[in-house]
């Protein structure tokens, strides 16, 4: 260990030693899992300005250099000791549902603001009979907070593990708020901890109220292999993990979803594999079109309406750009769940579901508050102005 109290013969931390740890990170050196846990445990142990600034400095140093999966595992160890909500339960012996239960999580906080594509993709997969748990959180800005969208749609939020399991049994999808699962973090740091930092890609996974078999992680940074390697070290009992990212252009725009524009990257880890693998994507996925008009079409409006979201889940004719992105992300989830033999087969299945209206039917079964005038609503879905 780096820090030893020679008088007592045990590990301890101080502000000076924490500064040494930050200096090591800034110099390009790596901490062991134990040393990273020590450093973050000290930074988390007080709510005064010194500890607050120390936590920010540690997170910033790791983000600037790029954290290793070992350091991230140590950060998670410290966070679990601080907030027991970051300890998802083990597999339940009472669960009789066939097939894997999936989770779809995102780091959010991307530099390219899209509509709630991952939420739509989760609903598409669920409409095809794949159980999906989806964490939601308040938006850092008003455009794309998944919790805000779920509230606007009138969809149920599951407040307990039993409620999540019941929603999965009935609808094959369940939503829960991350903030409610990590109360100590939320009380101390509030919305600040929802901004991007090295831990944010893992908040959704760590706050799951029920055991899942596999997880799809959307990343706002192109560190997909590191993400799945980190998840594999956390003792979550996962059988598989997939991390995805899209670099929209060379200016630094990044997205925690697959898009039909930019450069997509996917890494996958399976429990019977020695290490993570970065996929050699098929041409339509690896080399999407570079079209400024498409980028404009994918950019979310300041406050998208519930009608616009439902329109995304109801394809009439060729898919638009947002619907293409939804099909790609749902296709990746279907492939990881072994409901498709390839990414392209998964995308085709998701496309068919959109055209058949299955996700919209699922929304209605969940109690989505559709406009009362169905004729005007159907007219809006077909492409006219919002009702």
Protein backbone atom coordinates (compact mmCIF):
# COMPACT_ATOMS: atom_id res chain seq x y z
CA UNK A 1 0.00 0.00 0.00
CA UNK A 2 1.10 3.58 -0.54
CA UNK A 3 0.09 5.04 2.80
CA UNK A 4 1.07 3.40 6.08
CA UNK A 5 0.68 4.78 9.57
CA UNK A 6 3.98 3.51 11.02
CA UNK A 7 2.91 4.18 14.63
CA UNK A 8 -0.21 2.04 14.38
CA UNK A 9 0.89 -0.26 11.58
CA UNK A 10 -2.24 0.29 9.50
CA UNK A 11 -3.24 2.05 6.35
CA UNK A 12 -4.36 5.63 6.60
CA UNK A 13 -4.80 8.61 4.30
CA UNK A 14 -4.03 12.28 4.65
CA UNK A 15 -4.38 15.35 2.46
CA UNK A 16 -0.65 15.23 1.73
CA UNK A 17 -0.79 11.60 0.63
CA UNK A 18 -3.84 12.33 -1.47
CA UNK A 19 -1.86 15.06 -3.21
CA UNK A 20 0.85 12.49 -3.90
CA UNK A 21 -1.72 10.17 -5.45
CA UNK A 22 -3.02 12.95 -7.70
CA UNK A 23 0.55 13.81 -8.71
CA UNK A 24 1.18 10.19 -9.65
CA UNK A 25 -1.92 10.15 -11.84
CA UNK A 26 -0.95 13.44 -13.49
CA UNK A 27 2.53 12.02 -14.20
CA UNK A 28 0.93 9.15 -16.10
CA UNK A 29 1.39 6.48 -13.43
CA UNK A 30 -1.35 4.08 -12.36
CA UNK A 31 -2.70 3.30 -8.91
CA UNK A 32 -3.49 -0.19 -7.69
CA UNK A 33 -7.10 -1.02 -6.89
CA UNK A 34 -6.36 -0.77 -3.17
CA UNK A 35 -4.58 2.59 -3.50
CA UNK A 36 -7.37 4.04 -5.63
CA UNK A 37 -9.94 2.87 -3.07
CA UNK A 38 -7.92 4.49 -0.25
CA UNK A 39 -7.67 7.79 -2.08
CA UNK A 40 -11.36 8.01 -2.95
CA UNK A 41 -12.46 6.76 0.47
CA UNK A 42 -10.63 9.68 2.07
CA UNK A 43 -12.11 12.16 -0.41
CA UNK A 44 -15.61 10.82 0.30
CA UNK A 45 -15.30 10.72 4.07
CA UNK A 46 -16.14 14.40 4.69
CA UNK A 47 -18.57 16.97 3.33
CA UNK A 48 -16.34 19.97 3.95
CA UNK A 49 -14.74 21.99 1.11
CA UNK A 50 -11.35 20.27 1.48
CA UNK A 51 -12.77 16.81 0.85
CA UNK A 52 -15.10 18.14 -1.86
CA UNK A 53 -12.24 19.76 -3.78
CA UNK A 54 -10.10 16.65 -3.26
CA UNK A 55 -12.77 14.44 -4.82
CA UNK A 56 -13.05 16.78 -7.79
CA UNK A 57 -9.28 16.86 -8.22
CA UNK A 58 -9.05 13.06 -8.18
CA UNK A 59 -11.85 12.63 -10.69
CA UNK A 60 -10.44 15.35 -12.95
CA UNK A 61 -6.94 13.83 -12.86
CA UNK A 62 -8.27 10.40 -13.81
CA UNK A 63 -10.46 11.84 -16.57
CA UNK A 64 -7.59 13.84 -18.08
CA UNK A 65 -5.17 10.89 -18.10
CA UNK A 66 -7.76 8.20 -18.73
CA UNK A 67 -8.56 5.80 -15.86
CA UNK A 68 -7.56 2.16 -15.93
CA UNK A 69 -10.13 -0.54 -15.23
CA UNK A 70 -8.22 -1.36 -12.01
CA UNK A 71 -8.42 2.23 -10.77
CA UNK A 72 -12.11 2.40 -11.63
CA UNK A 73 -12.71 -0.81 -9.66
CA UNK A 74 -11.01 0.84 -6.67
CA UNK A 75 -13.21 3.93 -7.10
CA UNK A 76 -16.28 1.69 -7.09
CA UNK A 77 -15.06 -0.07 -3.93
CA UNK A 78 -14.87 3.28 -2.16
CA UNK A 79 -18.28 4.36 -3.43
CA UNK A 80 -19.90 1.12 -2.30
CA UNK A 81 -18.52 1.64 1.20
CA UNK A 82 -19.97 5.16 1.16
CA UNK A 83 -23.40 4.27 -0.27
CA UNK A 84 -24.79 0.74 0.03
CA UNK A 85 -27.21 1.50 -2.81
CA UNK A 86 -24.30 0.78 -5.17
CA UNK A 87 -24.45 -2.95 -4.36
CA UNK A 88 -26.89 -4.66 -6.76
CA UNK A 89 -28.40 -7.87 -5.36
CA UNK A 90 -27.26 -11.37 -6.38
CA UNK A 91 -29.37 -13.55 -8.70
CA UNK A 92 -32.79 -14.39 -7.29
CA UNK A 93 -33.70 -18.06 -6.94
CA UNK A 94 -37.40 -17.14 -7.17
CA UNK A 95 -37.12 -15.63 -10.66
CA UNK A 96 -38.65 -18.05 -13.16
CA UNK A 97 -38.60 -15.83 -16.23
CA UNK A 98 -36.91 -17.60 -19.17
CA UNK A 99 -34.03 -15.95 -20.98
CA UNK A 100 -31.71 -13.17 -19.83
CA UNK A 101 -32.79 -9.97 -18.11
CA UNK A 102 -31.01 -7.01 -19.67
CA UNK A 103 -30.13 -3.52 -18.49
CA UNK A 104 -29.60 -0.54 -20.76
CA UNK A 105 -27.66 2.28 -19.14
CA UNK A 106 -25.92 5.39 -20.39
CA UNK A 107 -23.33 7.77 -19.08
CA UNK A 108 -25.36 10.62 -20.56
CA UNK A 109 -23.74 14.03 -20.46
CA UNK A 110 -22.69 13.66 -24.09
CA UNK A 111 -21.50 16.63 -26.11
CA UNK A 112 -23.95 15.85 -28.92
CA UNK A 113 -27.55 16.26 -27.65
CA UNK A 114 -29.90 13.68 -29.13
CA UNK A 115 -33.44 12.65 -28.27
CA UNK A 116 -33.84 9.90 -25.67
CA UNK A 117 -32.64 7.19 -28.05
CA UNK A 118 -31.61 4.64 -25.41
CA UNK A 119 -35.03 4.89 -23.70
CA UNK A 120 -36.74 4.29 -27.04
CA UNK A 121 -34.38 1.39 -27.81
CA UNK A 122 -35.19 -0.24 -24.46
CA UNK A 123 -38.91 -0.02 -25.26
CA UNK A 124 -38.36 -1.51 -28.72
CA UNK A 125 -36.43 -4.47 -27.28
CA UNK A 126 -39.06 -4.97 -24.57
CA UNK A 127 -41.80 -4.95 -27.20
CA UNK A 128 -40.03 -7.96 -28.73
CA UNK A 129 -40.16 -9.86 -25.43
CA UNK A 130 -36.69 -9.07 -24.06
CA UNK A 131 -36.90 -7.97 -20.40
CA UNK A 132 -35.07 -4.65 -19.96
CA UNK A 133 -34.34 -2.63 -16.81
CA UNK A 134 -33.75 1.05 -17.60
CA UNK A 135 -32.42 3.55 -15.05
CA UNK A 136 -33.48 7.16 -15.55
CA UNK A 137 -32.16 10.40 -14.11
CA UNK A 138 -33.03 14.06 -14.11
CA UNK A 139 -31.54 15.95 -17.01
CA UNK A 140 -28.47 18.07 -16.49
CA UNK A 141 -30.15 20.22 -19.11
CA UNK A 142 -33.82 20.17 -20.06
CA UNK A 143 -33.42 18.53 -23.44
CA UNK A 144 -32.69 14.93 -22.64
CA UNK A 145 -33.35 13.97 -19.03
CA UNK A 146 -34.77 10.45 -19.22
CA UNK A 147 -36.66 10.89 -15.93
CA UNK A 148 -38.28 14.05 -17.31
CA UNK A 149 -39.39 12.13 -20.40
CA UNK A 150 -40.80 9.21 -18.41
CA UNK A 151 -42.76 11.67 -16.28
CA UNK A 152 -44.12 13.48 -19.34
CA UNK A 153 -45.27 10.17 -20.80
CA UNK A 154 -46.92 9.16 -17.53
CA UNK A 155 -44.95 5.91 -17.35
CA UNK A 156 -44.57 4.14 -13.99
CA UNK A 157 -41.33 4.42 -12.05
CA UNK A 158 -40.57 1.36 -9.93
CA UNK A 159 -39.49 2.37 -6.44
CA UNK A 160 -38.46 -1.07 -5.15
CA UNK A 161 -36.94 -4.34 -6.32
CA UNK A 162 -40.34 -6.04 -6.07
CA UNK A 163 -41.91 -3.33 -8.22
CA UNK A 164 -39.15 -3.72 -10.83
CA UNK A 165 -39.69 -7.49 -10.96
CA UNK A 166 -43.46 -7.02 -11.21
CA UNK A 167 -43.10 -4.57 -14.10
CA UNK A 168 -40.73 -6.97 -15.89
CA UNK A 169 -43.22 -9.81 -15.44
CA UNK A 170 -46.09 -7.75 -16.80
CA UNK A 171 -44.48 -5.50 -19.43
CA UNK A 172 -40.89 -6.77 -20.02
CA UNK A 173 -39.60 -3.31 -19.07
CA UNK A 174 -39.07 -1.41 -15.82
CA UNK A 175 -37.85 2.13 -15.12
CA UNK A 176 -36.29 3.35 -11.87
CA UNK A 177 -34.62 6.59 -10.76
CA UNK A 178 -30.89 6.43 -10.09
CA UNK A 179 -31.11 9.19 -7.48
CA UNK A 180 -33.44 7.10 -5.31
CA UNK A 181 -31.00 4.19 -5.33
CA UNK A 182 -27.96 6.22 -4.20
CA UNK A 183 -29.43 8.49 -1.50
CA UNK A 184 -26.13 9.36 0.21
CA UNK A 185 -24.55 10.52 -3.03
CA UNK A 186 -27.69 12.37 -4.03
CA UNK A 187 -28.00 14.08 -0.63
CA UNK A 188 -24.38 15.24 -0.57
CA UNK A 189 -23.66 16.00 -4.20
CA UNK A 190 -27.08 16.38 -5.83
CA UNK A 191 -27.01 17.08 -9.54
CA UNK A 192 -23.26 17.65 -9.50
CA UNK A 193 -22.66 13.90 -9.54
CA UNK A 194 -24.78 13.57 -12.68
CA UNK A 195 -22.23 15.49 -14.74
CA UNK A 196 -19.66 13.44 -16.63
CA UNK A 197 -16.75 12.01 -14.63
CA UNK A 198 -14.98 8.61 -14.51
CA UNK A 199 -17.73 7.04 -12.37
CA UNK A 200 -20.76 8.26 -14.36
CA UNK A 201 -20.72 5.41 -16.93
CA UNK A 202 -21.18 2.95 -14.05
CA UNK A 203 -23.82 4.69 -11.92
CA UNK A 204 -26.68 3.00 -13.75
CA UNK A 205 -25.10 -0.46 -13.44
CA UNK A 206 -24.20 -0.04 -9.77
CA UNK A 207 -27.62 1.28 -8.76
CA UNK A 208 -29.64 -1.58 -10.29
CA UNK A 209 -32.27 -2.73 -7.76
CA UNK A 210 -32.41 -6.26 -9.24
CA UNK A 211 -29.93 -8.68 -10.70
CA UNK A 212 -29.50 -8.59 -14.47
CA UNK A 213 -27.71 -11.04 -16.71
CA UNK A 214 -26.22 -8.60 -19.19
CA UNK A 215 -25.85 -4.87 -19.64
CA UNK A 216 -25.55 -2.47 -22.57
CA UNK A 217 -23.59 0.63 -21.59
CA UNK A 218 -23.64 3.84 -23.60
CA UNK A 219 -20.49 5.95 -23.18
CA UNK A 220 -19.92 9.60 -23.94
CA UNK A 221 -16.18 8.82 -24.27
CA UNK A 222 -14.60 6.28 -26.65
CA UNK A 223 -13.33 3.99 -23.87
CA UNK A 224 -15.50 0.99 -24.64
CA UNK A 225 -12.98 -1.81 -23.93
CA UNK A 226 -12.00 -0.27 -20.59
CA UNK A 227 -15.67 0.01 -19.58
CA UNK A 228 -16.56 -3.64 -20.11
CA UNK A 229 -13.31 -4.76 -18.46
CA UNK A 230 -14.18 -2.62 -15.43
CA UNK A 231 -17.68 -4.07 -15.18
CA UNK A 232 -16.25 -7.58 -15.36
CA UNK A 233 -14.23 -6.88 -12.18
CA UNK A 234 -17.10 -5.66 -10.01
CA UNK A 235 -18.55 -9.00 -8.97
CA UNK A 236 -22.01 -8.27 -10.39
CA UNK A 237 -22.65 -11.80 -11.64
CA UNK A 238 -23.02 -10.63 -15.23
CA UNK A 239 -22.79 -13.04 -18.13
CA UNK A 240 -22.08 -10.33 -20.69
CA UNK A 241 -21.52 -6.61 -21.10
CA UNK A 242 -21.44 -4.40 -24.16
CA UNK A 243 -20.19 -0.80 -24.32
CA UNK A 244 -20.89 1.51 -27.23
CA UNK A 245 -19.95 5.02 -28.34
CA UNK A 246 -20.27 7.25 -31.38
CA UNK A 247 -17.77 9.97 -32.28
CA UNK A 248 -19.94 12.25 -34.36
CA UNK A 249 -17.13 14.20 -36.03
CA UNK A 250 -13.51 15.26 -35.59
CA UNK A 251 -14.39 18.27 -33.43
CA UNK A 252 -14.91 16.22 -30.29
CA UNK A 253 -18.66 15.69 -30.47
CA UNK A 254 -19.44 12.39 -28.76
CA UNK A 255 -22.59 10.45 -28.01
CA UNK A 256 -23.44 7.58 -25.65
CA UNK A 257 -25.56 5.96 -28.35
CA UNK A 258 -24.98 4.37 -31.75
CA UNK A 259 -25.86 6.75 -34.58
CA UNK A 260 -26.19 6.51 -38.37
CA UNK A 261 -23.64 9.32 -38.62
CA UNK A 262 -20.07 9.48 -37.27
CA UNK A 263 -17.79 6.64 -36.13
CA UNK A 264 -19.37 3.94 -33.97
CA UNK A 265 -17.40 1.69 -31.62
CA UNK A 266 -18.57 -1.40 -29.71
CA UNK A 267 -16.68 -3.58 -27.23
CA UNK A 268 -18.10 -6.72 -25.66
CA UNK A 269 -17.15 -8.97 -22.75
CA UNK A 270 -18.63 -12.38 -22.03
CA UNK A 271 -18.16 -14.40 -18.88
CA UNK A 272 -16.44 -17.25 -20.75
CA UNK A 273 -13.94 -14.97 -22.51
CA UNK A 274 -10.48 -14.08 -21.25
CA UNK A 275 -10.81 -10.39 -22.11
CA UNK A 276 -12.95 -7.77 -23.81
CA UNK A 277 -13.15 -7.66 -27.59
CA UNK A 278 -13.66 -4.62 -29.79
CA UNK A 279 -16.03 -5.66 -32.54
CA UNK A 280 -15.15 -5.38 -36.19
CA UNK A 281 -18.38 -3.69 -37.16
CA UNK A 282 -20.14 -4.37 -40.46
CA UNK A 283 -19.90 -1.61 -43.03
CA UNK A 284 -23.25 0.13 -42.35
CA UNK A 285 -22.28 0.37 -38.67
CA UNK A 286 -18.57 1.08 -39.01
CA UNK A 287 -18.74 3.72 -41.73
CA UNK A 288 -21.97 5.65 -41.27
CA UNK A 289 -22.83 8.52 -43.56
CA UNK A 290 -21.21 11.88 -42.85
CA UNK A 291 -24.00 14.28 -43.66
CA UNK A 292 -24.45 17.69 -41.97
CA UNK A 293 -28.19 17.50 -42.65
CA UNK A 294 -28.37 14.17 -40.80
CA UNK A 295 -26.45 15.63 -37.86
CA UNK A 296 -28.95 18.47 -37.76
CA UNK A 297 -31.86 16.01 -37.88
CA UNK A 298 -30.46 13.99 -34.97
CA UNK A 299 -29.95 17.02 -32.73
CA UNK A 300 -32.60 17.16 -30.04
CA UNK A 301 -34.88 20.12 -29.66
CA UNK A 302 -34.71 22.16 -26.47
CA UNK A 303 -37.79 20.48 -24.97
CA UNK A 304 -39.06 17.57 -27.10
CA UNK A 305 -42.70 16.70 -26.54
CA UNK A 306 -44.16 13.32 -25.56
CA UNK A 307 -45.88 13.23 -28.96
CA UNK A 308 -42.53 13.57 -30.73
CA UNK A 309 -41.13 10.67 -28.71
CA UNK A 310 -44.12 8.44 -29.46
CA UNK A 311 -43.78 9.37 -33.13
CA UNK A 312 -40.24 8.00 -32.99
CA UNK A 313 -41.69 4.64 -31.89
CA UNK A 314 -44.17 4.53 -34.79
CA UNK A 315 -42.52 4.26 -38.19
CA UNK A 316 -44.59 4.98 -41.29
CA UNK A 317 -42.57 4.11 -44.37
CA UNK A 318 -38.78 4.61 -44.36
CA UNK A 319 -37.20 5.25 -40.96
CA UNK A 320 -36.04 8.77 -40.23
CA UNK A 321 -32.60 9.45 -38.73
CA UNK A 322 -33.68 9.15 -35.10
CA UNK A 323 -35.58 5.93 -35.79
CA UNK A 324 -32.50 4.50 -37.51
CA UNK A 325 -30.49 5.26 -34.37
CA UNK A 326 -33.15 3.62 -32.17
CA UNK A 327 -33.08 0.48 -34.34
CA UNK A 328 -29.27 0.31 -34.15
CA UNK A 329 -29.22 0.54 -30.35
CA UNK A 330 -32.10 -1.89 -29.91
CA UNK A 331 -30.36 -4.23 -32.35
CA UNK A 332 -27.21 -4.23 -30.24
CA UNK A 333 -29.26 -5.13 -27.16
CA UNK A 334 -31.09 -7.92 -29.02
CA UNK A 335 -27.76 -9.36 -30.20
CA UNK A 336 -26.27 -9.29 -26.70
CA UNK A 337 -29.42 -11.00 -25.38
CA UNK A 338 -28.88 -13.72 -28.00
CA UNK A 339 -32.19 -12.88 -29.65
CA UNK A 340 -30.35 -12.10 -32.90
CA UNK A 341 -27.39 -13.81 -34.54
CA UNK A 342 -25.77 -10.55 -35.61
CA UNK A 343 -26.02 -6.82 -35.06
CA UNK A 344 -27.63 -6.41 -38.47
CA UNK A 345 -30.22 -9.09 -37.73
CA UNK A 346 -30.99 -7.32 -34.47
CA UNK A 347 -31.40 -4.00 -36.25
CA UNK A 348 -33.72 -5.57 -38.82
CA UNK A 349 -35.87 -7.03 -36.03
CA UNK A 350 -36.04 -3.64 -34.31
CA UNK A 351 -36.94 -1.96 -37.60
CA UNK A 352 -39.78 -4.42 -38.14
CA UNK A 353 -41.07 -3.76 -34.61
CA UNK A 354 -41.12 0.00 -35.26
CA UNK A 355 -43.05 -0.47 -38.49
CA UNK A 356 -45.54 -2.83 -36.86
CA UNK A 357 -46.22 -0.43 -33.97
CA UNK A 358 -45.23 -2.87 -31.20
CA UNK A 359 -43.37 -0.25 -29.08
CA UNK A 360 -46.36 2.10 -29.24
CA UNK A 361 -48.65 -0.71 -28.05
CA UNK A 362 -46.24 -1.33 -25.16
CA UNK A 363 -46.41 2.36 -24.24
CA UNK A 364 -50.18 2.16 -24.06
CA UNK A 365 -50.06 -0.97 -21.87
CA UNK A 366 -47.73 0.93 -19.53
CA UNK A 367 -50.34 3.68 -19.16
CA UNK A 368 -48.74 6.25 -21.44
CA UNK A 369 -50.84 9.40 -21.39
CA UNK A 370 -51.56 9.69 -25.10
CA UNK A 371 -53.55 12.69 -26.33
CA UNK A 372 -57.28 12.19 -25.87
CA UNK A 373 -58.10 12.97 -29.50
CA UNK A 374 -56.77 9.79 -31.14
CA UNK A 375 -57.55 10.95 -34.70
CA UNK A 376 -55.43 14.04 -34.33
CA UNK A 377 -52.72 12.02 -32.59
CA UNK A 378 -52.55 9.42 -35.38
CA UNK A 379 -52.43 12.26 -37.88
CA UNK A 380 -49.47 13.77 -36.02
CA UNK A 381 -47.68 10.43 -35.95
CA UNK A 382 -48.06 10.16 -39.69
CA UNK A 383 -45.92 13.25 -40.10
CA UNK A 384 -48.03 16.33 -39.67
CA UNK A 385 -47.48 18.98 -37.04
CA UNK A 386 -47.73 17.95 -33.39
CA UNK A 387 -51.24 17.58 -32.09
